[in-house]
Amino acid sequence: MEQIKICIIVAMDKNGVIGHGEKIPWILADDYKLNFVPKTKDCLVIMGRKTAETLPGPLKNRTNIVVSRNKNLQLKDGFIIVDNVFKAVREASNFGNIIWCIGGAQIYREFEKNFSIDEYHITYVDGEFESPWGVPEIIFKPDLSKYLEYSEESFYKREPSEKDGKRDRGNSHNFKVAIYS
């Protein structure tokens, strides 16, 4: 059997903020379309319950595994629900040789604690984000000291559009994608 490659894909600000409650404090359409979708398409994605509940349904063209201890969890058809990360990885071995862990912070930490991460794909969002909703920040700070970094893409620029003068192409902020392996 071929060894499974485990990758974490995440967007964060320079302080490790990946969200506030169930909201993400930025809009990065290009990161989604040019980074997340091509990498995870036709692959297996593992996420936590909170991440799954923010989605309108399973991500298309992917096998979607949700980790939750809630035995009565009700999600739309198309999600595979397991109760721990070990079962998620075991289930993943039936679907291919690459796993994309897509969040949230608790699932990222469980993966780091229990598995060797082959690659981190980190979108660094230009800015520092405090919660406007009065909920605590969701923080993820991986230890990348043993990995080599290379940038896959240069900074994406947020350029004023003719319509509103604020943003172009659905990017609320500048960002850079870096890979650690």
Protein backbone atom coordinates (compact mmCIF):
# COMPACT_ATOMS: atom_id res chain seq x y z
CA MET A 1 0.00 0.00 0.00
CA GLU A 2 1.25 3.45 -0.94
CA GLN A 3 2.01 5.85 1.92
CA ILE A 4 -0.53 8.59 2.50
CA LYS A 5 0.67 12.18 2.18
CA ILE A 6 -0.86 14.52 4.77
CA CYS A 7 -1.12 18.21 3.91
CA ILE A 8 -2.57 21.09 5.87
CA ILE A 9 -4.03 23.98 3.90
CA VAL A 10 -4.88 27.16 5.79
CA ALA A 11 -5.21 30.94 5.44
CA MET A 12 -4.05 33.10 8.34
CA ASP A 13 -2.93 36.56 9.29
CA LYS A 14 0.55 37.22 10.68
CA ASN A 15 -0.66 36.45 14.23
CA GLY A 16 -2.12 33.07 13.28
CA VAL A 17 -5.75 34.22 13.21
CA ILE A 18 -7.76 31.93 10.93
CA GLY A 19 -11.21 33.14 11.93
CA HIS A 20 -13.53 34.67 14.48
CA GLY A 21 -16.24 32.31 15.66
CA GLU A 22 -17.74 30.94 12.48
CA LYS A 23 -16.64 33.87 10.32
CA ILE A 24 -13.52 34.44 8.29
CA PRO A 25 -12.40 38.09 8.47
CA TRP A 26 -11.32 38.37 4.83
CA ILE A 27 -12.48 37.50 1.34
CA LEU A 28 -9.88 35.92 -0.93
CA ALA A 29 -11.62 34.75 -4.09
CA ASP A 30 -8.30 34.26 -5.90
CA ASP A 31 -6.90 32.12 -3.09
CA TYR A 32 -9.96 29.91 -3.29
CA LYS A 33 -10.05 29.69 -7.11
CA LEU A 34 -6.31 29.56 -7.86
CA ASN A 35 -4.97 27.75 -4.79
CA PHE A 36 -7.52 25.80 -2.73
CA VAL A 37 -9.70 24.41 -5.55
CA PRO A 38 -6.93 23.13 -7.86
CA LYS A 39 -4.99 21.53 -5.00
CA THR A 40 -7.92 19.78 -3.33
CA LYS A 41 -10.02 18.91 -6.41
CA ASP A 42 -10.49 15.16 -6.87
CA CYS A 43 -8.83 14.59 -3.49
CA LEU A 44 -9.94 13.81 0.01
CA VAL A 45 -10.53 16.63 2.49
CA ILE A 46 -10.84 16.22 6.25
CA MET A 47 -12.49 18.89 8.36
CA GLY A 48 -14.05 19.39 11.75
CA ARG A 49 -17.75 19.73 12.46
CA LYS A 50 -17.64 23.51 12.77
CA THR A 51 -15.98 23.87 9.38
CA ALA A 52 -18.49 21.47 7.79
CA GLU A 53 -21.42 23.38 9.27
CA THR A 54 -20.23 26.63 7.64
CA LEU A 55 -20.34 25.02 4.19
CA PRO A 56 -23.51 24.90 2.09
CA GLY A 57 -22.82 21.20 1.54
CA PRO A 58 -19.95 18.85 0.74
CA LEU A 59 -17.22 20.37 -1.40
CA LYS A 60 -17.77 19.24 -4.99
CA ASN A 61 -15.35 16.83 -6.67
CA ARG A 62 -13.85 15.83 -3.33
CA THR A 63 -14.39 13.11 -0.74
CA ASN A 64 -15.48 15.01 2.39
CA ILE A 65 -14.73 13.50 5.81
CA VAL A 66 -15.93 15.27 8.95
CA VAL A 67 -14.50 14.55 12.39
CA SER A 68 -17.01 14.97 15.21
CA ARG A 69 -17.67 13.33 18.57
CA ASN A 70 -21.36 14.21 18.18
CA LYS A 71 -23.04 10.87 17.41
CA ASN A 72 -26.26 12.66 16.39
CA LEU A 73 -24.61 15.06 13.95
CA GLN A 74 -26.84 15.76 10.96
CA LEU A 75 -25.16 17.06 7.82
CA LYS A 76 -26.21 17.10 4.19
CA ASP A 77 -25.72 13.92 2.20
CA GLY A 78 -22.22 13.51 0.86
CA PHE A 79 -20.26 13.90 4.10
CA ILE A 80 -18.60 10.89 5.74
CA ILE A 81 -18.69 11.36 9.52
CA VAL A 82 -16.14 9.74 11.85
CA ASP A 83 -15.48 10.34 15.54
CA ASN A 84 -11.69 10.86 15.56
CA VAL A 85 -8.75 11.78 13.34
CA PHE A 86 -7.38 8.22 13.32
CA LYS A 87 -10.61 6.90 11.80
CA ALA A 88 -10.57 9.80 9.35
CA VAL A 89 -7.08 8.87 8.12
CA ARG A 90 -7.97 5.17 8.00
CA GLU A 91 -11.09 5.99 5.97
CA ALA A 92 -9.02 8.26 3.74
CA SER A 93 -6.77 5.37 2.76
CA ASN A 94 -9.74 3.94 0.84
CA PHE A 95 -9.91 7.01 -1.40
CA GLY A 96 -6.37 7.88 -2.46
CA ASN A 97 -2.91 8.73 -1.26
CA ILE A 98 -3.21 12.43 -0.34
CA ILE A 99 -5.17 14.00 2.50
CA TRP A 100 -5.94 17.70 2.72
CA CYS A 101 -6.74 18.81 6.25
CA ILE A 102 -8.84 21.96 5.77
CA GLY A 103 -9.62 22.97 9.34
CA GLY A 104 -10.54 24.28 11.71
CA ALA A 105 -7.94 24.98 14.35
CA GLN A 106 -8.87 22.05 16.60
CA ILE A 107 -8.55 19.57 13.72
CA TYR A 108 -5.27 21.15 12.60
CA ARG A 109 -3.90 20.70 16.13
CA GLU A 110 -5.12 17.09 16.30
CA PHE A 111 -3.35 16.32 13.02
CA GLU A 112 -0.13 17.96 14.21
CA LYS A 113 -0.26 16.09 17.51
CA ASN A 114 -0.93 12.65 16.01
CA PHE A 115 0.61 12.59 12.52
CA SER A 116 3.65 13.71 10.62
CA ILE A 117 2.59 16.57 8.34
CA ASP A 118 4.21 16.29 4.91
CA GLU A 119 3.33 19.79 3.70
CA TYR A 120 1.79 23.00 4.93
CA HIS A 121 0.16 25.22 2.30
CA ILE A 122 -0.27 28.55 4.04
CA THR A 123 -1.94 31.61 2.63
CA TYR A 124 -0.57 34.60 4.52
CA VAL A 125 -3.15 37.37 4.58
CA ASP A 126 -1.69 40.87 4.74
CA GLY A 127 -3.10 42.36 7.92
CA GLU A 128 -3.97 41.80 11.56
CA PHE A 129 -7.55 40.96 12.36
CA GLU A 130 -9.50 41.60 15.53
CA SER A 131 -13.02 40.34 15.92
CA PRO A 132 -15.69 42.92 15.12
CA TRP A 133 -18.30 40.46 16.46
CA GLY A 134 -17.00 40.26 20.03
CA VAL A 135 -16.01 36.60 19.77
CA PRO A 136 -12.48 35.33 20.39
CA GLU A 137 -10.05 34.81 17.57
CA ILE A 138 -9.40 31.31 16.32
CA ILE A 139 -5.63 30.93 16.29
CA PHE A 140 -3.40 28.36 14.59
CA LYS A 141 0.38 28.63 14.89
CA PRO A 142 2.16 25.64 13.37
CA ASP A 143 5.78 24.93 14.21
CA LEU A 144 7.42 25.26 10.81
CA SER A 145 11.03 25.21 12.04
CA LYS A 146 11.83 21.81 10.52
CA TYR A 147 10.38 22.62 7.10
CA LEU A 148 11.84 24.40 4.10
CA GLU A 149 9.71 27.21 2.72
CA TYR A 150 9.14 28.11 -0.85
CA SER A 151 6.57 30.42 -2.30
CA GLU A 152 4.26 28.96 -4.84
CA GLU A 153 2.73 32.23 -5.86
CA SER A 154 3.85 35.79 -5.45
CA PHE A 155 1.71 38.32 -3.62
CA TYR A 156 -1.72 38.76 -5.09
CA LYS A 157 -2.50 42.41 -5.30
CA ARG A 158 -5.77 43.95 -4.30
CA GLU A 159 -6.29 46.59 -6.93
CA PRO A 160 -9.09 49.15 -7.00
CA SER A 161 -11.91 48.28 -9.33
CA GLU A 162 -13.64 50.80 -11.51
CA LYS A 163 -16.94 50.06 -9.79
CA ASP A 164 -16.24 50.73 -6.11
CA GLY A 165 -12.58 51.74 -5.94
CA LYS A 166 -12.04 49.33 -3.03
CA ARG A 167 -11.20 45.86 -4.28
CA ASP A 168 -10.77 43.86 -7.44
CA ARG A 169 -11.61 40.23 -8.23
CA GLY A 170 -13.10 39.53 -4.80
CA ASN A 171 -9.93 39.95 -2.76
CA SER A 172 -10.37 42.10 0.33
CA HIS A 173 -6.65 41.93 1.17
CA ASN A 174 -3.26 41.19 -0.35
CA PHE A 175 -1.94 37.69 0.29
CA LYS A 176 0.90 35.29 -0.46
CA VAL A 177 0.85 31.50 -0.69
CA ALA A 178 3.80 29.64 0.80
CA ILE A 179 4.48 25.91 0.95
CA TYR A 180 6.51 24.22 3.66
CA SER A 181 7.73 20.69 3.07
